[in-house]
PDB file of N, CA and C in Angstrom:
ATOM      1  N   MET A   1      -6.604  -3.012 140.103  1.00  0.00           N
ATOM      2  CA  MET A   1      -6.840  -2.079 138.018  1.00  0.00           C
ATOM      3  C   MET A   1      -6.036  -0.859 138.376  1.00  0.00           C
ATOM      4  N   LYS A   2      -6.041  -0.542 139.478  1.00  0.00           N
ATOM      5  CA  LYS A   2      -5.677   0.821 139.167  1.00  0.00           C
ATOM      6  C   LYS A   2      -4.484   0.451 139.162  1.00  0.00           C
ATOM      7  N   LYS A   3      -4.107   0.067 140.037  1.00  0.00           N
ATOM      8  CA  LYS A   3      -2.781  -0.476 141.057  1.00  0.00           C
ATOM      9  C   LYS A   3      -1.829  -0.725 139.256  1.00  0.00           C
ATOM     10  N   GLY A   4      -2.211  -1.079 138.684  1.00  0.00           N
ATOM     11  CA  GLY A   4      -2.063  -1.633 137.465  1.00  0.00           C
ATOM     12  C   GLY A   4      -1.819  -0.811 136.163  1.00  0.00           C
ATOM     13  N   PHE A   5      -2.835  -0.084 136.317  1.00  0.00           N
ATOM     14  CA  PHE A   5      -2.815   1.202 135.466  1.00  0.00           C
ATOM     15  C   PHE A   5      -1.619   1.545 135.899  1.00  0.00           C
ATOM     16  N   TYR A   6      -1.342   2.098 136.999  1.00  0.00           N
ATOM     17  CA  TYR A   6      -0.038   3.614 137.294  1.00  0.00           C
ATOM     18  C   TYR A   6       1.023   2.711 137.564  1.00  0.00           C
ATOM     19  N   ASN A   7       1.184   1.592 137.595  1.00  0.00           N
ATOM     20  CA  ASN A   7       2.245   0.491 137.264  1.00  0.00           C
ATOM     21  C   ASN A   7       2.875   0.884 136.204  1.00  0.00           C
ATOM     22  N   LEU A   8       1.923   0.929 135.394  1.00  0.00           N
ATOM     23  CA  LEU A   8       2.425   1.490 133.545  1.00  0.00           C
ATOM     24  C   LEU A   8       3.076   2.147 133.442  1.00  0.00           C
ATOM     25  N   LEU A   9       1.925   3.725 133.467  1.00  0.00           N
ATOM     26  CA  LEU A   9       2.976   4.532 133.563  1.00  0.00           C
ATOM     27  C   LEU A   9       4.068   5.367 134.386  1.00  0.00           C
ATOM     28  N   ARG A  10       4.679   4.223 135.215  1.00  0.00           N
ATOM     29  CA  ARG A  10       5.662   5.094 136.316  1.00  0.00           C
ATOM     30  C   ARG A  10       6.501   4.266 135.332  1.00  0.00           C
ATOM     31  N   ALA A  11       6.627   3.009 134.304  1.00  0.00           N
ATOM     32  CA  ALA A  11       7.294   2.362 133.633  1.00  0.00           C
ATOM     33  C   ALA A  11       7.923   1.329 135.295  1.00  0.00           C
ATOM     34  N   ASN A  12       7.036   0.858 136.009  1.00  0.00           N
ATOM     35  CA  ASN A  12       7.579  -0.079 136.490  1.00  0.00           C
ATOM     36  C   ASN A  12       8.201  -1.440 136.057  1.00  0.00           C
ATOM     37  N   PHE A  13       7.590  -1.901 134.916  1.00  0.00           N
ATOM     38  CA  PHE A  13       7.657  -2.470 134.692  1.00  0.00           C
ATOM     39  C   PHE A  13       9.287  -2.605 133.593  1.00  0.00           C
ATOM     40  N   LEU A  14      10.677  -2.546 133.677  1.00  0.00           N
ATOM     41  CA  LEU A  14      11.254  -1.156 132.667  1.00  0.00           C
ATOM     42  C   LEU A  14      12.247  -1.220 134.106  1.00  0.00           C
ATOM     43  N   ILE A  15      12.021  -1.069 135.409  1.00  0.00           N
ATOM     44  CA  ILE A  15      12.937  -1.457 136.499  1.00  0.00           C
ATOM     45  C   ILE A  15      12.781  -2.468 137.699  1.00  0.00           C
ATOM     46  N   SER A  16      12.434  -3.319 136.844  1.00  0.00           N
ATOM     47  CA  SER A  16      11.369  -4.246 137.834  1.00  0.00           C
ATOM     48  C   SER A  16      12.903  -5.644 137.432  1.00  0.00           C
ATOM     49  N   ARG A  17      12.882  -6.454 138.098  1.00  0.00           N
ATOM     50  CA  ARG A  17      13.147  -7.673 138.483  1.00  0.00           C
ATOM     51  C   ARG A  17      14.041  -8.699 137.325  1.00  0.00           C
ATOM     52  N   ASP A  18      12.695  -8.529 136.332  1.00  0.00           N
ATOM     53  CA  ASP A  18      13.146  -9.270 135.041  1.00  0.00           C
ATOM     54  C   ASP A  18      12.813  -8.049 134.001  1.00  0.00           C
ATOM     55  N   ALA A  19      13.712  -7.101 134.609  1.00  0.00           N
ATOM     56  CA  ALA A  19      13.561  -6.177 133.248  1.00  0.00           C
ATOM     57  C   ALA A  19      14.545  -6.564 132.549  1.00  0.00           C
ATOM     58  N   VAL A  20      15.197  -7.211 131.897  1.00  0.00           N
ATOM     59  CA  VAL A  20      16.595  -7.656 131.326  1.00  0.00           C
ATOM     60  C   VAL A  20      15.940  -8.208 129.865  1.00  0.00           C
ATOM     61  N   ASN A  21      13.764  -9.106 130.366  1.00  0.00           N
ATOM     62  CA  ASN A  21      13.939  -9.410 129.784  1.00  0.00           C
ATOM     63  C   ASN A  21      12.640  -8.499 128.917  1.00  0.00           C
ATOM     64  N   ASN A  22      12.109  -8.055 129.104  1.00  0.00           N
ATOM     65  CA  ASN A  22      11.241  -6.259 129.018  1.00  0.00           C
ATOM     66  C   ASN A  22      12.402  -4.963 128.295  1.00  0.00           C
ATOM     67  N   TRP A  23      13.759  -5.400 128.677  1.00  0.00           N
ATOM     68  CA  TRP A  23      14.522  -4.120 127.675  1.00  0.00           C
ATOM     69  C   TRP A  23      14.884  -5.115 126.332  1.00  0.00           C
ATOM     70  N   ARG A  24      14.896  -6.685 126.429  1.00  0.00           N
ATOM     71  CA  ARG A  24      15.360  -7.475 125.240  1.00  0.00           C
ATOM     72  C   ARG A  24      14.484  -6.871 124.221  1.00  0.00           C
ATOM     73  N   PHE A  25      12.767  -7.325 124.671  1.00  0.00           N
ATOM     74  CA  PHE A  25      11.745  -7.005 124.027  1.00  0.00           C
ATOM     75  C   PHE A  25      12.297  -6.146 123.504  1.00  0.00           C
ATOM     76  N   ILE A  26      12.264  -4.705 123.968  1.00  0.00           N
ATOM     77  CA  ILE A  26      11.776  -3.456 123.928  1.00  0.00           C
ATOM     78  C   ILE A  26      12.378  -3.241 122.331  1.00  0.00           C
ATOM     79  N   VAL A  27      14.010  -3.314 122.836  1.00  0.00           N
ATOM     80  CA  VAL A  27      15.161  -3.395 122.004  1.00  0.00           C
ATOM     81  C   VAL A  27      14.868  -3.980 120.300  1.00  0.00           C
ATOM     82  N   TYR A  28      14.815  -5.279 120.787  1.00  0.00           N
ATOM     83  CA  TYR A  28      14.016  -5.863 119.396  1.00  0.00           C
ATOM     84  C   TYR A  28      12.829  -5.369 118.814  1.00  0.00           C
ATOM     85  N   CYS A  29      11.642  -5.338 118.958  1.00  0.00           N
ATOM     86  CA  CYS A  29      11.139  -4.378 118.639  1.00  0.00           C
ATOM     87  C   CYS A  29      10.867  -2.990 117.619  1.00  0.00           C
ATOM     88  N   THR A  30      11.982  -2.254 118.161  1.00  0.00           N
ATOM     89  CA  THR A  30      12.583  -0.742 117.860  1.00  0.00           C
ATOM     90  C   THR A  30      13.357  -1.312 117.018  1.00  0.00           C
ATOM     91  N   LEU A  31      14.139  -2.403 117.264  1.00  0.00           N
ATOM     92  CA  LEU A  31      15.285  -2.805 115.816  1.00  0.00           C
ATOM     93  C   LEU A  31      14.547  -2.961 114.307  1.00  0.00           C
ATOM     94  N   LEU A  32      13.188  -3.917 114.607  1.00  0.00           N
ATOM     95  CA  LEU A  32      12.730  -4.061 113.428  1.00  0.00           C
ATOM     96  C   LEU A  32      11.812  -3.140 113.223  1.00  0.00           C
ATOM     97  N   ALA A  33      11.285  -1.844 114.120  1.00  0.00           N
ATOM     98  CA  ALA A  33      10.631  -0.863 113.387  1.00  0.00           C
ATOM     99  C   ALA A  33      11.659  -0.157 112.861  1.00  0.00           C
ATOM    100  N   ILE A  34      12.684   0.458 113.259  1.00  0.00           N
ATOM    101  CA  ILE A  34      13.898   1.060 112.458  1.00  0.00           C
ATOM    102  C   ILE A  34      13.616   0.125 110.588  1.00  0.00           C
ATOM    103  N   ILE A  35      13.644  -1.294 111.043  1.00  0.00           N
ATOM    104  CA  ILE A  35      14.545  -2.234 109.474  1.00  0.00           C
ATOM    105  C   ILE A  35      13.194  -2.332 109.019  1.00  0.00           C
ATOM    106  N   MET A  36      11.715  -2.039 109.156  1.00  0.00           N
ATOM    107  CA  MET A  36      10.368  -1.602 108.587  1.00  0.00           C
ATOM    108  C   MET A  36      10.506  -0.150 107.856  1.00  0.00           C
ATOM    109  N   ILE A  37      10.758   0.802 108.799  1.00  0.00           N
ATOM    110  CA  ILE A  37      10.783   2.506 108.384  1.00  0.00           C
ATOM    111  C   ILE A  37      12.196   2.178 106.787  1.00  0.00           C
ATOM    112  N   ALA A  38      12.955   1.945 106.860  1.00  0.00           N
ATOM    113  CA  ALA A  38      14.723   2.352 106.282  1.00  0.00           C
ATOM    114  C   ALA A  38      13.531   1.127 104.457  1.00  0.00           C
ATOM    115  N   SER A  39      13.439   0.117 105.373  1.00  0.00           N
ATOM    116  CA  SER A  39      12.478  -0.882 103.467  1.00  0.00           C
ATOM    117  C   SER A  39      11.540  -0.479 103.410  1.00  0.00           C
ATOM    118  N   SER A  40      10.053   0.453 103.969  1.00  0.00           N
ATOM    119  CA  SER A  40       9.632   1.146 102.968  1.00  0.00           C
ATOM    120  C   SER A  40      10.505   2.580 102.748  1.00  0.00           C
ATOM    121  N   HIS A  41      11.822   3.271 103.024  1.00  0.00           N
ATOM    122  CA  HIS A  41      11.584   4.396 103.006  1.00  0.00           C
ATOM    123  C   HIS A  41      12.518   4.150 101.313  1.00  0.00           C
ATOM    124  N   SER A  42      13.016   2.999 101.399  1.00  0.00           N
ATOM    125  CA  SER A  42      14.082   2.034 100.072  1.00  0.00           C
ATOM    126  C   SER A  42      12.664   1.833  98.822  1.00  0.00           C
ATOM    127  N   ALA A  43      12.087   1.550  98.862  1.00  0.00           N
ATOM    128  CA  ALA A  43      10.560   0.880  98.923  1.00  0.00           C
ATOM    129  C   ALA A  43       9.829   1.949  97.434  1.00  0.00           C
ATOM    130  N   GLU A  44       9.752   3.482  98.504  1.00  0.00           N
ATOM    131  CA  GLU A  44       9.437   4.874  97.850  1.00  0.00           C
ATOM    132  C   GLU A  44      10.476   5.290  96.946  1.00  0.00           C
ATOM    133  N   ARG A  45      11.742   5.120  97.455  1.00  0.00           N
ATOM    134  CA  ARG A  45      12.943   5.362  96.355  1.00  0.00           C
ATOM    135  C   ARG A  45      12.677   5.088  95.386  1.00  0.00           C
ATOM    136  N   LYS A  46      12.348   3.963  95.585  1.00  0.00           N
ATOM    137  CA  LYS A  46      11.812   3.156  93.794  1.00  0.00           C
ATOM    138  C   LYS A  46      11.154   3.321  92.996  1.00  0.00           C
ATOM    139  N   VAL A  47       9.878   3.573  93.529  1.00  0.00           N
ATOM    140  CA  VAL A  47       9.111   4.328  93.450  1.00  0.00           C
ATOM    141  C   VAL A  47       9.264   4.634  92.471  1.00  0.00           C
ATOM    142  N   HIS A  48       9.281   6.355  92.776  1.00  0.00           N
ATOM    143  CA  HIS A  48       9.883   8.011  92.175  1.00  0.00           C
ATOM    144  C   HIS A  48      10.736   7.885  91.165  1.00  0.00           C
ATOM    145  N   GLU A  49      12.076   6.579  91.360  1.00  0.00           N
ATOM    146  CA  GLU A  49      13.273   7.084  90.499  1.00  0.00           C
ATOM    147  C   GLU A  49      12.461   6.033  89.108  1.00  0.00           C
ATOM    148  N   ILE A  50      11.386   5.046  89.651  1.00  0.00           N
ATOM    149  CA  ILE A  50      10.864   3.883  88.744  1.00  0.00           C
ATOM    150  C   ILE A  50      10.003   4.840  87.789  1.00  0.00           C
ATOM    151  N   ALA A  51       9.349   5.303  88.045  1.00  0.00           N
ATOM    152  CA  ALA A  51       8.521   7.128  87.280  1.00  0.00           C
ATOM    153  C   ALA A  51       9.106   7.742  87.227  1.00  0.00           C
ATOM    154  N   GLN A  52       9.983   8.460  87.213  1.00  0.00           N
ATOM    155  CA  GLN A  52      10.681   8.966  87.090  1.00  0.00           C
ATOM    156  C   GLN A  52      11.499   8.523  85.421  1.00  0.00           C
ATOM    157  N   LEU A  53      12.023   7.855  85.346  1.00  0.00           N
ATOM    158  CA  LEU A  53      12.311   7.035  84.173  1.00  0.00           C
ATOM    159  C   LEU A  53      11.883   7.005  83.037  1.00  0.00           C
ATOM    160  N   HIS A  54      10.390   6.259  84.182  1.00  0.00           N
ATOM    161  CA  HIS A  54       9.290   6.327  83.056  1.00  0.00           C
ATOM    162  C   HIS A  54       8.662   7.034  81.968  1.00  0.00           C
ATOM    163  N   ASN A  55       8.928   8.223  82.602  1.00  0.00           N
ATOM    164  CA  ASN A  55       8.353  10.041  81.778  1.00  0.00           C
ATOM    165  C   ASN A  55       9.837  10.190  81.025  1.00  0.00           C
ATOM    166  N   GLU A  56      11.010  10.024  81.282  1.00  0.00           N
ATOM    167  CA  GLU A  56      12.470  10.311  80.514  1.00  0.00           C
ATOM    168  C   GLU A  56      11.601   8.899  79.411  1.00  0.00           C
ATOM    169  N   VAL A  57      11.570   8.480  79.541  1.00  0.00           N
ATOM    170  CA  VAL A  57      10.967   7.391  78.293  1.00  0.00           C
ATOM    171  C   VAL A  57      10.213   7.850  77.334  1.00  0.00           C
ATOM    172  N   ARG A  58       9.136   7.961  78.086  1.00  0.00           N
ATOM    173  CA  ARG A  58       8.025   8.629  76.985  1.00  0.00           C
ATOM    174  C   ARG A  58       9.182   9.899  76.351  1.00  0.00           C
ATOM    175  N   GLU A  59       9.389  10.302  76.674  1.00  0.00           N
ATOM    176  CA  GLU A  59       9.620  11.650  76.540  1.00  0.00           C
ATOM    177  C   GLU A  59      11.393  11.832  75.371  1.00  0.00           C
ATOM    178  N   LEU A  60      11.314  10.629  75.577  1.00  0.00           N
ATOM    179  CA  LEU A  60      12.871  10.517  74.512  1.00  0.00           C
ATOM    180  C   LEU A  60      12.383   9.455  72.922  1.00  0.00           C
ATOM    181  N   ARG A  61      11.235   8.929  73.500  1.00  0.00           N
ATOM    182  CA  ARG A  61      10.798   8.648  72.262  1.00  0.00           C
ATOM    183  C   ARG A  61       9.363   9.137  71.633  1.00  0.00           C
ATOM    184  N   SER A  62       9.268   9.897  71.864  1.00  0.00           N
ATOM    185  CA  SER A  62       8.737  11.058  71.763  1.00  0.00           C
ATOM    186  C   SER A  62       9.931  11.903  70.689  1.00  0.00           C
ATOM    187  N   GLU A  63      10.295  12.640  71.094  1.00  0.00           N
ATOM    188  CA  GLU A  63      11.964  12.784  70.044  1.00  0.00           C
ATOM    189  C   GLU A  63      12.807  11.877  69.095  1.00  0.00           C
ATOM    190  N   PHE A  64      12.566  10.920  69.226  1.00  0.00           N
ATOM    191  CA  PHE A  64      12.804   9.908  68.538  1.00  0.00           C
ATOM    192  C   PHE A  64      11.841  10.550  67.160  1.00  0.00           C
ATOM    193  N   VAL A  65      10.166   9.831  67.690  1.00  0.00           N
ATOM    194  CA  VAL A  65       9.505  10.067  66.408  1.00  0.00           C
ATOM    195  C   VAL A  65       9.346  11.446  66.314  1.00  0.00           C
ATOM    196  N   ASP A  66       9.728  12.747  66.704  1.00  0.00           N
ATOM    197  CA  ASP A  66       9.607  13.611  66.093  1.00  0.00           C
ATOM    198  C   ASP A  66      11.110  13.957  65.100  1.00  0.00           C
ATOM    199  N   ARG A  67      11.543  12.949  65.587  1.00  0.00           N
ATOM    200  CA  ARG A  67      13.220  13.458  65.046  1.00  0.00           C
ATOM    201  C   ARG A  67      13.423  12.305  63.143  1.00  0.00           C
ATOM    202  N   ARG A  68      12.838  11.539  63.414  1.00  0.00           N
ATOM    203  CA  ARG A  68      12.421  10.577  62.593  1.00  0.00           C
ATOM    204  C   ARG A  68      11.199  10.684  61.556  1.00  0.00           C
ATOM    205  N   SER A  69      10.661  11.918  62.116  1.00  0.00           N
ATOM    206  CA  SER A  69       9.541  12.071  60.496  1.00  0.00           C
ATOM    207  C   SER A  69      10.180  13.271  59.966  1.00  0.00           C
ATOM    208  N   ALA A  70      11.174  14.490  60.951  1.00  0.00           N
ATOM    209  CA  ALA A  70      12.304  15.539  59.923  1.00  0.00           C
ATOM    210  C   ALA A  70      13.452  15.094  59.794  1.00  0.00           C
ATOM    211  N   LEU A  71      13.666  13.619  59.236  1.00  0.00           N
ATOM    212  CA  LEU A  71      14.080  12.930  58.337  1.00  0.00           C
ATOM    213  C   LEU A  71      14.176  12.512  57.518  1.00  0.00           C
ATOM    214  N   MET A  72      12.558  11.430  57.584  1.00  0.00           N
ATOM    215  CA  MET A  72      11.942  11.306  56.485  1.00  0.00           C
ATOM    216  C   MET A  72      11.486  12.519  55.276  1.00  0.00           C
ATOM    217  N   LYS A  73      11.158  13.255  56.272  1.00  0.00           N
ATOM    218  CA  LYS A  73      10.682  15.089  55.249  1.00  0.00           C
ATOM    219  C   LYS A  73      11.872  15.335  54.239  1.00  0.00           C
ATOM    220  N   ILE A  74      13.055  15.236  55.464  1.00  0.00           N
ATOM    221  CA  ILE A  74      14.302  16.312  54.330  1.00  0.00           C
ATOM    222  C   ILE A  74      15.492  14.938  53.960  1.00  0.00           C
ATOM    223  N   LYS A  75      15.068  13.759  53.482  1.00  0.00           N
ATOM    224  CA  LYS A  75      15.304  12.702  52.598  1.00  0.00           C
ATOM    225  C   LYS A  75      14.229  12.880  51.191  1.00  0.00           C
ATOM    226  N   MET A  76      13.312  13.862  51.044  1.00  0.00           N
ATOM    227  CA  MET A  76      12.631  13.410  50.816  1.00  0.00           C
ATOM    228  C   MET A  76      12.819  14.145  49.462  1.00  0.00           C
ATOM    229  N   GLU A  77      12.980  13.222  47.877  1.00  0.00           N
ATOM    230  CA  GLU A  77      13.406  13.913  46.935  1.00  0.00           C
ATOM    231  C   GLU A  77      13.047  15.894  46.400  1.00  0.00           C
ATOM    232  N   SER A  78      11.806  15.960  47.292  1.00  0.00           N
ATOM    233  CA  SER A  78      11.258  17.802  46.742  1.00  0.00           C
ATOM    234  C   SER A  78      11.904  18.579  47.154  1.00  0.00           C
ATOM    235  N   THR A  79      12.409  17.904  49.090  1.00  0.00           N
ATOM    236  CA  THR A  79      12.865  18.922  49.570  1.00  0.00           C
ATOM    237  C   THR A  79      14.466  19.132  49.189  1.00  0.00           C
ATOM    238  N   ILE A  80      15.015  17.288  48.790  1.00  0.00           N
ATOM    239  CA  ILE A  80      16.405  18.155  48.746  1.00  0.00           C
ATOM    240  C   ILE A  80      16.667  18.405  46.430  1.00  0.00           C
ATOM    241  N   THR A  81      15.813  17.988  46.355  1.00  0.00           N
ATOM    242  CA  THR A  81      15.263  19.037  44.474  1.00  0.00           C
ATOM    243  C   THR A  81      14.877  20.551  44.891  1.00  0.00           C
ATOM    244  N   ARG A  82      14.628  21.286  45.800  1.00  0.00           N
ATOM    245  CA  ARG A  82      14.145  22.234  46.092  1.00  0.00           C
ATOM    246  C   ARG A  82      15.681  22.915  46.911  1.00  0.00           C
ATOM    247  N   LYS A  83      16.751  22.283  47.750  1.00  0.00           N
ATOM    248  CA  LYS A  83      17.870  22.923  47.946  1.00  0.00           C
ATOM    249  C   LYS A  83      18.783  23.221  47.091  1.00  0.00           C
ATOM    250  N   MET A  84      19.001  22.183  46.448  1.00  0.00           N
ATOM    251  CA  MET A  84      19.795  21.903  45.364  1.00  0.00           C
ATOM    252  C   MET A  84      19.803  23.344  44.191  1.00  0.00           C
ATOM    253  N   SER A  85      18.571  23.070  44.953  1.00  0.00           N
ATOM    254  CA  SER A  85      18.479  24.382  42.893  1.00  0.00           C
ATOM    255  C   SER A  85      18.713  26.103  43.499  1.00  0.00           C
ATOM    256  N   ASP A  86      18.869  25.950  44.578  1.00  0.00           N
ATOM    257  CA  ASP A  86      19.144  26.720  45.187  1.00  0.00           C
ATOM    258  C   ASP A  86      20.993  27.144  44.216  1.00  0.00           C
ATOM    259  N   ARG A  87      21.681  25.747  44.818  1.00  0.00           N
ATOM    260  CA  ARG A  87      22.976  25.647  44.462  1.00  0.00           C
ATOM    261  C   ARG A  87      23.465  25.857  42.772  1.00  0.00           C
ATOM    262  N   GLY A  88      22.234  25.880  42.120  1.00  0.00           N
ATOM    263  CA  GLY A  88      21.464  25.588  40.617  1.00  0.00           C
ATOM    264  C   GLY A  88      22.122  23.936  40.175  1.00  0.00           C
ATOM    265  N   VAL A  89      22.324  23.360  40.751  1.00  0.00           N
ATOM    266  CA  VAL A  89      22.557  22.048  40.792  1.00  0.00           C
ATOM    267  C   VAL A  89      20.604  21.321  40.877  1.00  0.00           C
ATOM    268  N   GLY A  90      20.362  21.001  39.525  1.00  0.00           N
ATOM    269  CA  GLY A  90      18.624  20.307  39.200  1.00  0.00           C
ATOM    270  C   GLY A  90      19.040  18.469  39.035  1.00  0.00           C
ATOM    271  N   PRO A  91      17.762  18.013  38.692  1.00  0.00           N
ATOM    272  CA  PRO A  91      17.583  16.677  38.810  1.00  0.00           C
ATOM    273  C   PRO A  91      17.615  16.590  36.863  1.00  0.00           C
ATOM    274  N   SER A  92      18.939  15.273  36.668  1.00  0.00           N
ATOM    275  CA  SER A  92      18.937  15.076  35.134  1.00  0.00           C
ATOM    276  C   SER A  92      18.035  14.670  34.462  1.00  0.00           C
ATOM    277  N   GLU A  93      18.091  15.324  33.469  1.00  0.00           N
ATOM    278  CA  GLU A  93      17.160  14.824  32.305  1.00  0.00           C
ATOM    279  C   GLU A  93      17.019  13.496  32.292  1.00  0.00           C
ATOM    280  N   THR A  94      18.850  12.939  31.337  1.00  0.00           N
ATOM    281  CA  THR A  94      18.094  11.814  31.399  1.00  0.00           C
ATOM    282  C   THR A  94      18.676  10.777  32.113  1.00  0.00           C
ATOM    283  N   PRO A  95      18.212   9.537  32.118  1.00  0.00           N
ATOM    284  CA  PRO A  95      18.117   8.529  33.619  1.00  0.00           C
ATOM    285  C   PRO A  95      19.759   7.706  33.322  1.00  0.00           C
ATOM    286  N   PRO A  96      20.368   7.286  34.503  1.00  0.00           N
ATOM    287  CA  PRO A  96      21.808   7.621  34.245  1.00  0.00           C
ATOM    288  C   PRO A  96      21.244   5.286  33.760  1.00  0.00           C
ATOM    289  N   PHE A  97      22.497   4.754  33.243  1.00  0.00           N
ATOM    290  CA  PHE A  97      23.164   3.849  32.398  1.00  0.00           C
ATOM    291  C   PHE A  97      23.687   3.018  33.267  1.00  0.00           C
ATOM    292  N   LYS A  98      23.414   1.805  33.314  1.00  0.00           N
ATOM    293  CA  LYS A  98      24.965   1.262  33.442  1.00  0.00           C
ATOM    294  C   LYS A  98      26.353   0.561  32.256  1.00  0.00           C
ATOM    295  N   ILE A  99      27.313   0.771  33.622  1.00  0.00           N
ATOM    296  CA  ILE A  99      28.446   0.938  33.149  1.00  0.00           C
ATOM    297  C   ILE A  99      28.766  -0.836  32.755  1.00  0.00           C
ATOM    298  N   ARG A 100      28.943  -1.405  31.750  1.00  0.00           N
ATOM    299  CA  ARG A 100      29.448  -3.015  32.215  1.00  0.00           C
ATOM    300  C   ARG A 100      30.497  -2.991  31.295  1.00  0.00           C
ATOM    301  N   VAL A 101      32.190  -3.153  31.915  1.00  0.00           N
ATOM    302  CA  VAL A 101      33.368  -4.235  31.215  1.00  0.00           C
ATOM    303  C   VAL A 101      33.800  -5.438  31.234  1.00  0.00           C
ATOM    304  N   ASN A 102      33.960  -5.868  30.347  1.00  0.00           N
ATOM    305  CA  ASN A 102      33.928  -6.983  29.806  1.00  0.00           C
ATOM    306  C   ASN A 102      36.011  -7.087  29.892  1.00  0.00           C
ATOM    307  N   ILE A 103      35.249  -8.017  31.247  1.00  0.00           N
ATOM    308  CA  ILE A 103      37.549  -8.414  31.698  1.00  0.00           C
ATOM    309  C   ILE A 103      37.379 -10.071  30.733  1.00  0.00           C
ATOM    310  N   PRO A 104      38.849  -9.555  29.468  1.00  0.00           N
ATOM    311  CA  PRO A 104      38.963 -11.137  28.948  1.00  0.00           C
ATOM    312  C   PRO A 104      38.983 -12.817  30.096  1.00  0.00           C
ATOM    313  N   GLU A 105      39.327 -13.275  29.760  1.00  0.00           N
ATOM    314  CA  GLU A 105      40.183 -14.457  30.524  1.00  0.00           C
ATOM    315  C   GLU A 105      41.124 -15.093  30.158  1.00  0.00           C
TER     316      GLU A 105
END
Protein backbone atom coordinates (compact mmCIF):
# COMPACT_ATOMS: atom_id res chain seq x y z
CA MET A 1 0.00 0.00 0.00
CA LYS A 2 2.83 2.38 0.91
CA LYS A 3 4.62 1.66 -2.37
CA GLY A 4 1.42 2.26 -4.41
CA PHE A 5 0.84 5.59 -2.69
CA TYR A 6 4.48 6.57 -3.25
CA ASN A 7 4.17 5.68 -6.95
CA LEU A 8 1.04 7.78 -7.18
CA LEU A 9 2.83 10.77 -5.65
CA ARG A 10 5.76 10.37 -8.02
CA ALA A 11 3.26 10.18 -10.92
CA ASN A 12 4.65 6.88 -12.24
CA PHE A 13 1.36 6.33 -14.07
CA LEU A 14 2.36 9.17 -16.41
CA ILE A 15 5.76 7.80 -17.34
CA SER A 16 5.13 4.07 -17.47
CA ARG A 17 4.76 2.01 -20.66
CA ASP A 18 0.99 2.43 -20.93
CA ALA A 19 1.20 6.16 -20.15
CA VAL A 20 -0.23 7.08 -23.59
CA ASN A 21 -3.68 5.84 -22.52
CA ASN A 22 -3.41 7.71 -19.23
CA TRP A 23 -2.38 10.91 -21.02
CA ARG A 24 -5.29 10.59 -23.43
CA PHE A 25 -7.71 10.21 -20.54
CA ILE A 26 -6.18 13.18 -18.71
CA VAL A 27 -6.41 15.40 -21.82
CA TYR A 28 -9.99 14.22 -22.39
CA CYS A 29 -10.98 15.06 -18.79
CA THR A 30 -9.22 18.43 -19.04
CA LEU A 31 -11.08 19.32 -22.25
CA LEU A 32 -14.38 18.28 -20.67
CA ALA A 33 -13.64 20.46 -17.63
CA ILE A 34 -12.78 23.45 -19.85
CA ILE A 35 -16.00 23.01 -21.84
CA MET A 36 -18.02 22.70 -18.64
CA ILE A 37 -16.48 25.87 -17.17
CA ALA A 38 -17.07 27.80 -20.41
CA SER A 39 -20.68 26.63 -20.51
CA SER A 40 -21.18 27.68 -16.90
CA HIS A 41 -19.76 31.14 -17.57
CA SER A 42 -21.96 31.52 -20.63
CA ALA A 43 -25.06 30.56 -18.64
CA GLU A 44 -24.17 33.00 -15.85
CA ARG A 45 -23.62 35.79 -18.39
CA LYS A 46 -27.05 35.13 -19.88
CA VAL A 47 -28.69 35.13 -16.44
CA HIS A 48 -27.14 38.51 -15.65
CA GLU A 49 -28.19 39.88 -19.03
CA ILE A 50 -31.77 38.67 -18.49
CA ALA A 51 -31.86 40.30 -15.04
CA GLN A 52 -30.54 43.57 -16.50
CA LEU A 53 -33.12 43.52 -19.30
CA HIS A 54 -35.88 42.75 -16.78
CA ASN A 55 -34.89 45.80 -14.73
CA GLU A 56 -34.80 47.93 -17.88
CA VAL A 57 -38.31 46.75 -18.83
CA ARG A 58 -39.59 47.71 -15.36
CA GLU A 59 -37.98 51.12 -15.66
CA LEU A 60 -39.41 51.72 -19.14
CA ARG A 61 -42.86 50.56 -18.05
CA SER A 62 -42.74 52.99 -15.13
CA GLU A 63 -41.67 55.81 -17.43
CA PHE A 64 -44.51 54.92 -19.83
CA VAL A 65 -47.09 55.13 -17.04
CA ASP A 66 -45.70 58.48 -15.88
CA ARG A 67 -45.76 59.92 -19.39
CA ARG A 68 -49.27 58.61 -20.04
CA SER A 69 -50.61 60.19 -16.85
CA ALA A 70 -48.89 63.49 -17.74
CA LEU A 71 -50.46 63.36 -21.21
CA MET A 72 -53.91 62.76 -19.70
CA LYS A 73 -53.47 65.84 -17.49
CA ILE A 74 -52.35 67.93 -20.47
CA LYS A 75 -55.33 66.78 -22.58
CA MET A 76 -57.91 67.72 -19.94
CA GLU A 77 -60.23 70.54 -20.97
CA SER A 78 -59.54 72.54 -17.82
CA THR A 79 -55.78 72.50 -18.49
CA ILE A 80 -56.26 73.58 -22.09
CA THR A 81 -58.68 76.34 -21.04
CA ARG A 82 -56.26 77.65 -18.41
CA LYS A 83 -53.31 77.71 -20.85
CA MET A 84 -55.30 79.36 -23.63
CA SER A 85 -56.79 82.00 -21.30
CA ASP A 86 -53.24 83.36 -20.90
CA ARG A 87 -53.29 84.07 -24.65
CA GLY A 88 -56.74 85.60 -24.55
CA VAL A 89 -58.58 82.62 -26.06
CA GLY A 90 -61.52 81.20 -24.13
CA PRO A 91 -64.14 78.56 -24.66
CA SER A 92 -66.96 79.36 -27.09
CA GLU A 93 -70.24 80.62 -25.65
CA THR A 94 -72.30 79.15 -28.48
CA PRO A 95 -72.16 75.48 -29.35
CA PRO A 96 -70.93 74.47 -32.81
CA PHE A 97 -73.41 73.64 -35.58
CA LYS A 98 -73.19 71.52 -38.72
CA ILE A 99 -72.99 73.06 -42.14
CA ARG A 100 -74.74 71.02 -44.77
CA VAL A 101 -74.19 71.60 -48.45
CA ASN A 102 -76.76 70.24 -50.86
CA ILE A 103 -75.25 69.31 -54.20
CA PRO A 104 -77.80 69.12 -57.01
CA GLU A 105 -77.60 66.01 -59.07
